[in-house]
Amino acid sequence: MLVLNRKSGESIKIGDDIEIKVVSIEGGQVKLGIEAPRHIDIHRKEVYVSIEEENKEASTLSKNLLDLLKK
């Protein structure tokens, strides 16, 4: 893991087309701004994990339905 220190208004680049900027720091919260191409999905981690779990469940249900149809 790369750990960087950034102040408000400073940013980091990921590749050529993703920039993460520290918009503000207030108390224990950091506000980040993310500039990336539209085709790149950006989610908070808890939302991403939820989407992954739902996709996994849906694929299992789909497989089970196909197995039932084969009988």
PDB file of N, CA and C in Angstrom:
ATOM      1  N   MET A   1       0.850  -1.180   0.000  1.00  0.00           N
ATOM      2  CA  MET A   1       0.000   0.000   0.000  1.00  0.00           C
ATOM      3  C   MET A   1       0.892   1.238   0.000  1.00  0.00           C
ATOM      4  N   LEU A   2       0.557   2.164  -0.854  1.00  0.00           N
ATOM      5  CA  LEU A   2       1.246   3.446  -0.902  1.00  0.00           C
ATOM      6  C   LEU A   2       0.497   4.426  -0.003  1.00  0.00           C
ATOM      7  N   VAL A   3       1.187   5.070   0.899  1.00  0.00           N
ATOM      8  CA  VAL A   3       0.581   6.050   1.795  1.00  0.00           C
ATOM      9  C   VAL A   3       1.193   7.410   1.482  1.00  0.00           C
ATOM     10  N   LEU A   4       0.320   8.394   1.204  1.00  0.00           N
ATOM     11  CA  LEU A   4       0.774   9.745   0.862  1.00  0.00           C
ATOM     12  C   LEU A   4       0.161  10.753   1.819  1.00  0.00           C
ATOM     13  N   ASN A   5       0.894  11.793   2.105  1.00  0.00           N
ATOM     14  CA  ASN A   5       0.356  12.934   2.848  1.00  0.00           C
ATOM     15  C   ASN A   5      -0.011  14.018   1.848  1.00  0.00           C
ATOM     16  N   ARG A   6      -1.203  14.539   1.938  1.00  0.00           N
ATOM     17  CA  ARG A   6      -1.662  15.616   1.073  1.00  0.00           C
ATOM     18  C   ARG A   6      -2.379  16.653   1.924  1.00  0.00           C
ATOM     19  N   LYS A   7      -2.238  17.894   1.558  1.00  0.00           N
ATOM     20  CA  LYS A   7      -2.947  18.983   2.217  1.00  0.00           C
ATOM     21  C   LYS A   7      -4.167  19.344   1.383  1.00  0.00           C
ATOM     22  N   SER A   8      -5.058  20.122   1.972  1.00  0.00           N
ATOM     23  CA  SER A   8      -6.238  20.578   1.251  1.00  0.00           C
ATOM     24  C   SER A   8      -5.809  21.301  -0.026  1.00  0.00           C
ATOM     25  N   GLY A   9      -6.431  20.957  -1.134  1.00  0.00           N
ATOM     26  CA  GLY A   9      -6.112  21.553  -2.419  1.00  0.00           C
ATOM     27  C   GLY A   9      -5.080  20.773  -3.217  1.00  0.00           C
ATOM     28  N   GLU A  10      -4.373  19.845  -2.561  1.00  0.00           N
ATOM     29  CA  GLU A  10      -3.385  19.033  -3.267  1.00  0.00           C
ATOM     30  C   GLU A  10      -4.053  17.784  -3.831  1.00  0.00           C
ATOM     31  N   SER A  11      -3.387  17.144  -4.784  1.00  0.00           N
ATOM     32  CA  SER A  11      -3.997  15.982  -5.431  1.00  0.00           C
ATOM     33  C   SER A  11      -2.957  14.922  -5.743  1.00  0.00           C
ATOM     34  N   ILE A  12      -3.443  13.784  -6.183  1.00  0.00           N
ATOM     35  CA  ILE A  12      -2.587  12.713  -6.684  1.00  0.00           C
ATOM     36  C   ILE A  12      -3.150  12.273  -8.029  1.00  0.00           C
ATOM     37  N   LYS A  13      -2.309  11.708  -8.865  1.00  0.00           N
ATOM     38  CA  LYS A  13      -2.728  11.204 -10.176  1.00  0.00           C
ATOM     39  C   LYS A  13      -2.573   9.695 -10.189  1.00  0.00           C
ATOM     40  N   ILE A  14      -3.529   9.018 -10.811  1.00  0.00           N
ATOM     41  CA  ILE A  14      -3.456   7.583 -11.048  1.00  0.00           C
ATOM     42  C   ILE A  14      -3.520   7.410 -12.555  1.00  0.00           C
ATOM     43  N   GLY A  15      -2.427   6.987 -13.129  1.00  0.00           N
ATOM     44  CA  GLY A  15      -2.359   6.908 -14.581  1.00  0.00           C
ATOM     45  C   GLY A  15      -2.461   8.294 -15.183  1.00  0.00           C
ATOM     46  N   ASP A  16      -2.891   8.335 -16.457  1.00  0.00           N
ATOM     47  CA  ASP A  16      -2.998   9.617 -17.162  1.00  0.00           C
ATOM     48  C   ASP A  16      -4.325  10.323 -16.949  1.00  0.00           C
ATOM     49  N   ASP A  17      -5.360   9.565 -16.554  1.00  0.00           N
ATOM     50  CA  ASP A  17      -6.690  10.173 -16.596  1.00  0.00           C
ATOM     51  C   ASP A  17      -7.497  10.098 -15.309  1.00  0.00           C
ATOM     52  N   ILE A  18      -6.868   9.810 -14.166  1.00  0.00           N
ATOM     53  CA  ILE A  18      -7.590   9.823 -12.890  1.00  0.00           C
ATOM     54  C   ILE A  18      -6.840  10.748 -11.933  1.00  0.00           C
ATOM     55  N   GLU A  19      -7.573  11.695 -11.359  1.00  0.00           N
ATOM     56  CA  GLU A  19      -7.000  12.616 -10.379  1.00  0.00           C
ATOM     57  C   GLU A  19      -7.873  12.619  -9.137  1.00  0.00           C
ATOM     58  N   ILE A  20      -7.246  12.476  -7.986  1.00  0.00           N
ATOM     59  CA  ILE A  20      -7.948  12.527  -6.706  1.00  0.00           C
ATOM     60  C   ILE A  20      -7.428  13.748  -5.962  1.00  0.00           C
ATOM     61  N   LYS A  21      -8.350  14.653  -5.630  1.00  0.00           N
ATOM     62  CA  LYS A  21      -7.966  15.916  -5.008  1.00  0.00           C
ATOM     63  C   LYS A  21      -8.572  16.008  -3.610  1.00  0.00           C
ATOM     64  N   VAL A  22      -7.780  16.466  -2.659  1.00  0.00           N
ATOM     65  CA  VAL A  22      -8.278  16.725  -1.312  1.00  0.00           C
ATOM     66  C   VAL A  22      -9.003  18.073  -1.375  1.00  0.00           C
ATOM     67  N   VAL A  23     -10.320  18.020  -1.261  1.00  0.00           N
ATOM     68  CA  VAL A  23     -11.137  19.231  -1.370  1.00  0.00           C
ATOM     69  C   VAL A  23     -11.131  19.994  -0.052  1.00  0.00           C
ATOM     70  N   SER A  24     -11.321  19.270   1.055  1.00  0.00           N
ATOM     71  CA  SER A  24     -11.275  19.924   2.363  1.00  0.00           C
ATOM     72  C   SER A  24     -11.032  18.894   3.456  1.00  0.00           C
ATOM     73  N   ILE A  25     -10.572  19.392   4.589  1.00  0.00           N
ATOM     74  CA  ILE A  25     -10.359  18.559   5.767  1.00  0.00           C
ATOM     75  C   ILE A  25     -11.051  19.268   6.923  1.00  0.00           C
ATOM     76  N   GLU A  26     -12.039  18.603   7.521  1.00  0.00           N
ATOM     77  CA  GLU A  26     -12.801  19.207   8.616  1.00  0.00           C
ATOM     78  C   GLU A  26     -12.947  18.185   9.728  1.00  0.00           C
ATOM     79  N   GLY A  27     -12.346  18.461  10.865  1.00  0.00           N
ATOM     80  CA  GLY A  27     -12.419  17.522  11.976  1.00  0.00           C
ATOM     81  C   GLY A  27     -11.803  16.191  11.561  1.00  0.00           C
ATOM     82  N   GLY A  28     -12.555  15.123  11.699  1.00  0.00           N
ATOM     83  CA  GLY A  28     -12.065  13.798  11.343  1.00  0.00           C
ATOM     84  C   GLY A  28     -12.450  13.366   9.949  1.00  0.00           C
ATOM     85  N   GLN A  29     -12.944  14.285   9.115  1.00  0.00           N
ATOM     86  CA  GLN A  29     -13.384  13.921   7.770  1.00  0.00           C
ATOM     87  C   GLN A  29     -12.540  14.591   6.698  1.00  0.00           C
ATOM     88  N   VAL A  30     -12.300  13.843   5.650  1.00  0.00           N
ATOM     89  CA  VAL A  30     -11.588  14.362   4.479  1.00  0.00           C
ATOM     90  C   VAL A  30     -12.549  14.284   3.300  1.00  0.00           C
ATOM     91  N   LYS A  31     -12.749  15.381   2.593  1.00  0.00           N
ATOM     92  CA  LYS A  31     -13.575  15.376   1.384  1.00  0.00           C
ATOM     93  C   LYS A  31     -12.650  15.250   0.183  1.00  0.00           C
ATOM     94  N   LEU A  32     -12.938  14.255  -0.668  1.00  0.00           N
ATOM     95  CA  LEU A  32     -12.132  14.015  -1.857  1.00  0.00           C
ATOM     96  C   LEU A  32     -12.951  14.310  -3.101  1.00  0.00           C
ATOM     97  N   GLY A  33     -12.302  14.880  -4.091  1.00  0.00           N
ATOM     98  CA  GLY A  33     -12.900  15.046  -5.414  1.00  0.00           C
ATOM     99  C   GLY A  33     -12.171  14.106  -6.363  1.00  0.00           C
ATOM    100  N   ILE A  34     -12.923  13.404  -7.196  1.00  0.00           N
ATOM    101  CA  ILE A  34     -12.318  12.434  -8.103  1.00  0.00           C
ATOM    102  C   ILE A  34     -12.695  12.790  -9.530  1.00  0.00           C
ATOM    103  N   GLU A  35     -11.685  13.005 -10.366  1.00  0.00           N
ATOM    104  CA  GLU A  35     -11.906  13.223 -11.792  1.00  0.00           C
ATOM    105  C   GLU A  35     -11.432  11.983 -12.530  1.00  0.00           C
ATOM    106  N   ALA A  36     -12.358  11.377 -13.282  1.00  0.00           N
ATOM    107  CA  ALA A  36     -12.031  10.161 -14.031  1.00  0.00           C
ATOM    108  C   ALA A  36     -12.941  10.099 -15.258  1.00  0.00           C
ATOM    109  N   PRO A  37     -12.546   9.345 -16.268  1.00  0.00           N
ATOM    110  CA  PRO A  37     -13.410   9.180 -17.438  1.00  0.00           C
ATOM    111  C   PRO A  37     -14.760   8.574 -17.040  1.00  0.00           C
ATOM    112  N   ARG A  38     -15.782   8.912 -17.791  1.00  0.00           N
ATOM    113  CA  ARG A  38     -17.142   8.452 -17.478  1.00  0.00           C
ATOM    114  C   ARG A  38     -17.276   6.932 -17.466  1.00  0.00           C
ATOM    115  N   HIS A  39     -16.458   6.230 -18.237  1.00  0.00           N
ATOM    116  CA  HIS A  39     -16.608   4.773 -18.309  1.00  0.00           C
ATOM    117  C   HIS A  39     -16.036   4.049 -17.090  1.00  0.00           C
ATOM    118  N   ILE A  40     -15.407   4.782 -16.179  1.00  0.00           N
ATOM    119  CA  ILE A  40     -14.867   4.179 -14.959  1.00  0.00           C
ATOM    120  C   ILE A  40     -15.868   4.376 -13.829  1.00  0.00           C
ATOM    121  N   ASP A  41     -16.322   3.255 -13.243  1.00  0.00           N
ATOM    122  CA  ASP A  41     -17.251   3.319 -12.118  1.00  0.00           C
ATOM    123  C   ASP A  41     -16.489   3.673 -10.850  1.00  0.00           C
ATOM    124  N   ILE A  42     -17.065   4.577 -10.056  1.00  0.00           N
ATOM    125  CA  ILE A  42     -16.469   4.975  -8.792  1.00  0.00           C
ATOM    126  C   ILE A  42     -17.523   4.795  -7.710  1.00  0.00           C
ATOM    127  N   HIS A  43     -17.206   3.990  -6.708  1.00  0.00           N
ATOM    128  CA  HIS A  43     -18.131   3.709  -5.609  1.00  0.00           C
ATOM    129  C   HIS A  43     -17.379   3.779  -4.286  1.00  0.00           C
ATOM    130  N   ARG A  44     -18.120   4.117  -3.228  1.00  0.00           N
ATOM    131  CA  ARG A  44     -17.563   3.920  -1.884  1.00  0.00           C
ATOM    132  C   ARG A  44     -17.394   2.415  -1.700  1.00  0.00           C
ATOM    133  N   LYS A  45     -16.439   2.007  -0.892  1.00  0.00           N
ATOM    134  CA  LYS A  45     -16.129   0.584  -0.756  1.00  0.00           C
ATOM    135  C   LYS A  45     -17.341  -0.219  -0.294  1.00  0.00           C
ATOM    136  N   GLU A  46     -18.104   0.294   0.680  1.00  0.00           N
ATOM    137  CA  GLU A  46     -19.253  -0.467   1.189  1.00  0.00           C
ATOM    138  C   GLU A  46     -20.314  -0.670   0.099  1.00  0.00           C
ATOM    139  N   VAL A  47     -20.462   0.297  -0.795  1.00  0.00           N
ATOM    140  CA  VAL A  47     -21.395   0.148  -1.915  1.00  0.00           C
ATOM    141  C   VAL A  47     -20.857  -0.877  -2.907  1.00  0.00           C
ATOM    142  N   TYR A  48     -19.565  -0.822  -3.195  1.00  0.00           N
ATOM    143  CA  TYR A  48     -18.935  -1.767  -4.118  1.00  0.00           C
ATOM    144  C   TYR A  48     -19.090  -3.202  -3.606  1.00  0.00           C
ATOM    145  N   VAL A  49     -18.835  -3.411  -2.308  1.00  0.00           N
ATOM    146  CA  VAL A  49     -18.960  -4.752  -1.719  1.00  0.00           C
ATOM    147  C   VAL A  49     -20.399  -5.233  -1.827  1.00  0.00           C
ATOM    148  N   SER A  50     -21.360  -4.365  -1.573  1.00  0.00           N
ATOM    149  CA  SER A  50     -22.777  -4.726  -1.680  1.00  0.00           C
ATOM    150  C   SER A  50     -23.144  -5.128  -3.109  1.00  0.00           C
ATOM    151  N   ILE A  51     -22.660  -4.381  -4.085  1.00  0.00           N
ATOM    152  CA  ILE A  51     -22.920  -4.699  -5.498  1.00  0.00           C
ATOM    153  C   ILE A  51     -22.326  -6.058  -5.843  1.00  0.00           C
ATOM    154  N   GLU A  52     -21.103  -6.310  -5.393  1.00  0.00           N
ATOM    155  CA  GLU A  52     -20.450  -7.595  -5.659  1.00  0.00           C
ATOM    156  C   GLU A  52     -21.240  -8.748  -5.053  1.00  0.00           C
ATOM    157  N   GLU A  53     -21.726  -8.581  -3.818  1.00  0.00           N
ATOM    158  CA  GLU A  53     -22.512  -9.630  -3.159  1.00  0.00           C
ATOM    159  C   GLU A  53     -23.815  -9.886  -3.908  1.00  0.00           C
ATOM    160  N   GLU A  54     -24.486  -8.817  -4.348  1.00  0.00           N
ATOM    161  CA  GLU A  54     -25.730  -8.973  -5.099  1.00  0.00           C
ATOM    162  C   GLU A  54     -25.478  -9.668  -6.437  1.00  0.00           C
ATOM    163  N   ASN A  55     -24.393  -9.324  -7.109  1.00  0.00           N
ATOM    164  CA  ASN A  55     -24.067  -9.973  -8.378  1.00  0.00           C
ATOM    165  C   ASN A  55     -23.769 -11.459  -8.180  1.00  0.00           C
ATOM    166  N   LYS A  56     -23.052 -11.774  -7.117  1.00  0.00           N
ATOM    167  CA  LYS A  56     -22.734 -13.173  -6.823  1.00  0.00           C
ATOM    168  C   LYS A  56     -24.012 -13.960  -6.546  1.00  0.00           C
ATOM    169  N   GLU A  57     -24.909 -13.374  -5.754  1.00  0.00           N
ATOM    170  CA  GLU A  57     -26.180 -14.023  -5.437  1.00  0.00           C
ATOM    171  C   GLU A  57     -27.025 -14.208  -6.694  1.00  0.00           C
ATOM    172  N   ALA A  58     -27.066 -13.200  -7.538  1.00  0.00           N
ATOM    173  CA  ALA A  58     -27.852 -13.279  -8.771  1.00  0.00           C
ATOM    174  C   ALA A  58     -27.309 -14.358  -9.701  1.00  0.00           C
ATOM    175  N   SER A  59     -25.992 -14.490  -9.775  1.00  0.00           N
ATOM    176  CA  SER A  59     -25.423 -15.516 -10.655  1.00  0.00           C
ATOM    177  C   SER A  59     -25.713 -16.915 -10.115  1.00  0.00           C
ATOM    178  N   THR A  60     -25.741 -17.066  -8.797  1.00  0.00           N
ATOM    179  CA  THR A  60     -26.084 -18.356  -8.197  1.00  0.00           C
ATOM    180  C   THR A  60     -27.544 -18.699  -8.477  1.00  0.00           C
ATOM    181  N   LEU A  61     -28.441 -17.728  -8.323  1.00  0.00           N
ATOM    182  CA  LEU A  61     -29.858 -17.950  -8.601  1.00  0.00           C
ATOM    183  C   LEU A  61     -30.072 -18.293 -10.068  1.00  0.00           C
ATOM    184  N   SER A  62     -29.362 -17.588 -10.936  1.00  0.00           N
ATOM    185  CA  SER A  62     -29.479 -17.838 -12.366  1.00  0.00           C
ATOM    186  C   SER A  62     -29.042 -19.257 -12.701  1.00  0.00           C
ATOM    187  N   LYS A  63     -27.964 -19.709 -12.104  1.00  0.00           N
ATOM    188  CA  LYS A  63     -27.455 -21.067 -12.340  1.00  0.00           C
ATOM    189  C   LYS A  63     -28.471 -22.085 -11.838  1.00  0.00           C
ATOM    190  N   ASN A  64     -29.047 -21.823 -10.654  1.00  0.00           N
ATOM    191  CA  ASN A  64     -30.035 -22.745 -10.101  1.00  0.00           C
ATOM    192  C   ASN A  64     -31.274 -22.835 -10.991  1.00  0.00           C
ATOM    193  N   LEU A  65     -31.698 -21.710 -11.547  1.00  0.00           N
ATOM    194  CA  LEU A  65     -32.855 -21.705 -12.446  1.00  0.00           C
ATOM    195  C   LEU A  65     -32.563 -22.501 -13.728  1.00  0.00           C
ATOM    196  N   LEU A  66     -31.358 -22.332 -14.261  1.00  0.00           N
ATOM    197  CA  LEU A  66     -30.983 -23.084 -15.457  1.00  0.00           C
ATOM    198  C   LEU A  66     -30.937 -24.570 -15.162  1.00  0.00           C
ATOM    199  N   ASP A  67     -30.457 -24.976 -13.986  1.00  0.00           N
ATOM    200  CA  ASP A  67     -30.432 -26.381 -13.605  1.00  0.00           C
ATOM    201  C   ASP A  67     -31.852 -26.940 -13.512  1.00  0.00           C
ATOM    202  N   LEU A  68     -32.782 -26.136 -12.986  1.00  0.00           N
ATOM    203  CA  LEU A  68     -34.175 -26.596 -12.889  1.00  0.00           C
ATOM    204  C   LEU A  68     -34.794 -26.771 -14.265  1.00  0.00           C
ATOM    205  N   LEU A  69     -34.483 -25.878 -15.180  1.00  0.00           N
ATOM    206  CA  LEU A  69     -35.047 -25.949 -16.527  1.00  0.00           C
ATOM    207  C   LEU A  69     -34.530 -27.173 -17.293  1.00  0.00           C
ATOM    208  N   LYS A  70     -33.335 -27.627 -16.980  1.00  0.00           N
ATOM    209  CA  LYS A  70     -32.758 -28.768 -17.663  1.00  0.00           C
ATOM    210  C   LYS A  70     -33.427 -30.074 -17.268  1.00  0.00           C
ATOM    211  N   LYS A  71     -34.070 -30.106 -16.117  1.00  0.00           N
ATOM    212  CA  LYS A  71     -34.695 -31.351 -15.609  1.00  0.00           C
ATOM    213  C   LYS A  71     -36.004 -31.636 -16.277  1.00  0.00           C
TER     214      LYS A  71
END
